Amino acid sequence: PLDEALRECISWMRSLRARGATVDEWHQAIEQQMTMIHSRADEQMSFWAGPYRHPDTGDEYYHNASTNTSVWESPSDHWELQIHYRHNLLCRDMAVAVDESQPS
């Protein structure tokens, strides 16, 4: 699941580096990216309900009404990881890009 996030971030970071984005442009772009991923998460999470208890085992599960699927793991865990991963990756690359742009 993080492969898609990595590909998206790399593509996005390459475009910022190619145009020599300033620190302010990096900050603004990271904010836009994080807003986009939060919106995507909100949209996807709207279909999930739970946790419910399995009648036989008592284990918790979550149900997606849109796809009529159920999973044992909380779907919010997936999105929390996505958001954290993307934010860290983007901020780290910004720090490297800004450092590389400073005169020696």
Protein backbone atom coordinates (compact mmCIF):
# COMPACT_ATOMS: atom_id res chain seq x y z
CA PRO A 1 0.00 0.00 0.00
CA LEU A 2 2.88 2.39 0.59
CA ASP A 3 4.27 1.77 -2.92
CA GLU A 4 1.62 4.05 -4.43
CA ALA A 5 2.38 6.74 -1.85
CA LEU A 6 6.10 6.49 -2.59
CA ARG A 7 5.55 6.77 -6.35
CA GLU A 8 3.25 9.78 -5.95
CA CYS A 9 5.65 11.53 -3.59
CA ILE A 10 8.71 10.90 -5.75
CA SER A 11 6.97 12.26 -8.84
CA TRP A 12 5.81 15.30 -6.95
CA MET A 13 9.20 15.93 -5.32
CA ARG A 14 11.01 15.63 -8.66
CA SER A 15 8.83 18.36 -10.13
CA LEU A 16 9.56 20.67 -7.18
CA ARG A 17 13.28 20.03 -7.39
CA ALA A 18 13.29 20.50 -11.18
CA ARG A 19 11.85 23.97 -10.90
CA GLY A 20 14.10 24.91 -7.96
CA ALA A 21 11.25 25.50 -5.51
CA THR A 22 11.87 27.89 -2.64
CA VAL A 23 11.30 26.95 1.00
CA ASP A 24 7.94 28.76 0.94
CA GLU A 25 6.92 26.88 -2.21
CA TRP A 26 7.90 23.58 -0.56
CA HIS A 27 5.82 24.42 2.52
CA GLN A 28 2.83 25.39 0.42
CA ALA A 29 3.14 22.30 -1.76
CA ILE A 30 3.43 19.99 1.27
CA GLU A 31 0.33 21.59 2.76
CA GLN A 32 -1.53 20.99 -0.51
CA GLN A 33 -0.39 17.37 -0.64
CA MET A 34 -1.42 16.74 2.95
CA THR A 35 -4.80 18.38 2.38
CA MET A 36 -5.29 16.14 -0.67
CA ILE A 37 -4.42 12.94 1.21
CA HIS A 38 -6.61 13.91 4.16
CA SER A 39 -9.52 14.49 1.76
CA ARG A 40 -8.87 11.13 0.11
CA ALA A 41 -8.82 9.43 3.51
CA ASP A 42 -12.02 11.17 4.62
CA GLU A 43 -13.77 10.08 1.44
CA GLN A 44 -12.64 6.46 1.75
CA MET A 45 -13.34 6.27 5.49
CA SER A 46 -16.92 7.42 4.96
CA PHE A 47 -17.75 3.95 3.61
CA TRP A 48 -16.40 2.07 6.62
CA ALA A 49 -18.29 1.21 9.79
CA GLY A 50 -17.26 -0.60 12.94
CA PRO A 51 -15.80 -2.04 14.89
CA TYR A 52 -18.31 -4.84 15.17
CA ARG A 53 -17.88 -8.03 17.17
CA HIS A 54 -17.82 -11.33 15.32
CA PRO A 55 -20.56 -13.46 16.90
CA ASP A 56 -18.45 -16.63 17.07
CA THR A 57 -14.99 -15.33 17.99
CA GLY A 58 -15.68 -11.96 19.57
CA ASP A 59 -12.96 -10.45 17.37
CA GLU A 60 -13.48 -6.94 16.04
CA TYR A 61 -14.04 -6.34 12.35
CA TYR A 62 -14.93 -3.43 10.06
CA HIS A 63 -17.37 -3.35 7.18
CA ASN A 64 -17.30 -1.31 3.96
CA ALA A 65 -20.86 -0.74 2.72
CA SER A 66 -19.68 0.45 -0.69
CA THR A 67 -17.72 -2.70 -1.55
CA ASN A 68 -19.60 -5.04 0.82
CA THR A 69 -16.32 -6.26 2.28
CA SER A 70 -15.17 -6.77 5.83
CA VAL A 71 -11.67 -6.65 7.28
CA TRP A 72 -10.13 -7.42 10.67
CA GLU A 73 -7.73 -4.46 10.66
CA SER A 74 -9.02 -0.96 11.23
CA PRO A 75 -9.13 0.97 7.94
CA SER A 76 -8.13 4.09 9.84
CA ASP A 77 -4.78 2.42 10.63
CA HIS A 78 -4.05 2.29 6.90
CA TRP A 79 -4.77 5.99 6.45
CA GLU A 80 -2.85 7.02 9.57
CA LEU A 81 0.19 5.21 8.18
CA GLN A 82 -0.28 6.79 4.73
CA ILE A 83 -0.54 10.29 6.17
CA HIS A 84 2.44 9.85 8.50
CA TYR A 85 4.59 8.25 5.79
CA ARG A 86 3.86 10.91 3.19
CA HIS A 87 4.41 13.79 5.60
CA ASN A 88 7.76 12.44 6.77
CA LEU A 89 8.93 11.67 3.24
CA LEU A 90 7.98 15.09 1.90
CA CYS A 91 9.49 17.00 4.82
CA ARG A 92 12.73 15.04 4.64
CA ASP A 93 13.09 15.65 0.92
CA MET A 94 12.32 19.34 1.41
CA ALA A 95 15.09 19.56 4.02
CA VAL A 96 17.58 17.88 1.68
CA ALA A 97 16.54 20.01 -1.31
CA VAL A 98 16.80 23.23 0.67
CA ASP A 99 20.18 22.21 2.10
CA GLU A 100 21.46 21.36 -1.39
CA SER A 101 20.35 24.76 -2.70
CA GLN A 102 22.36 26.67 -0.07
CA PRO A 103 25.73 28.03 -1.23
CA SER A 104 28.70 26.13 0.14
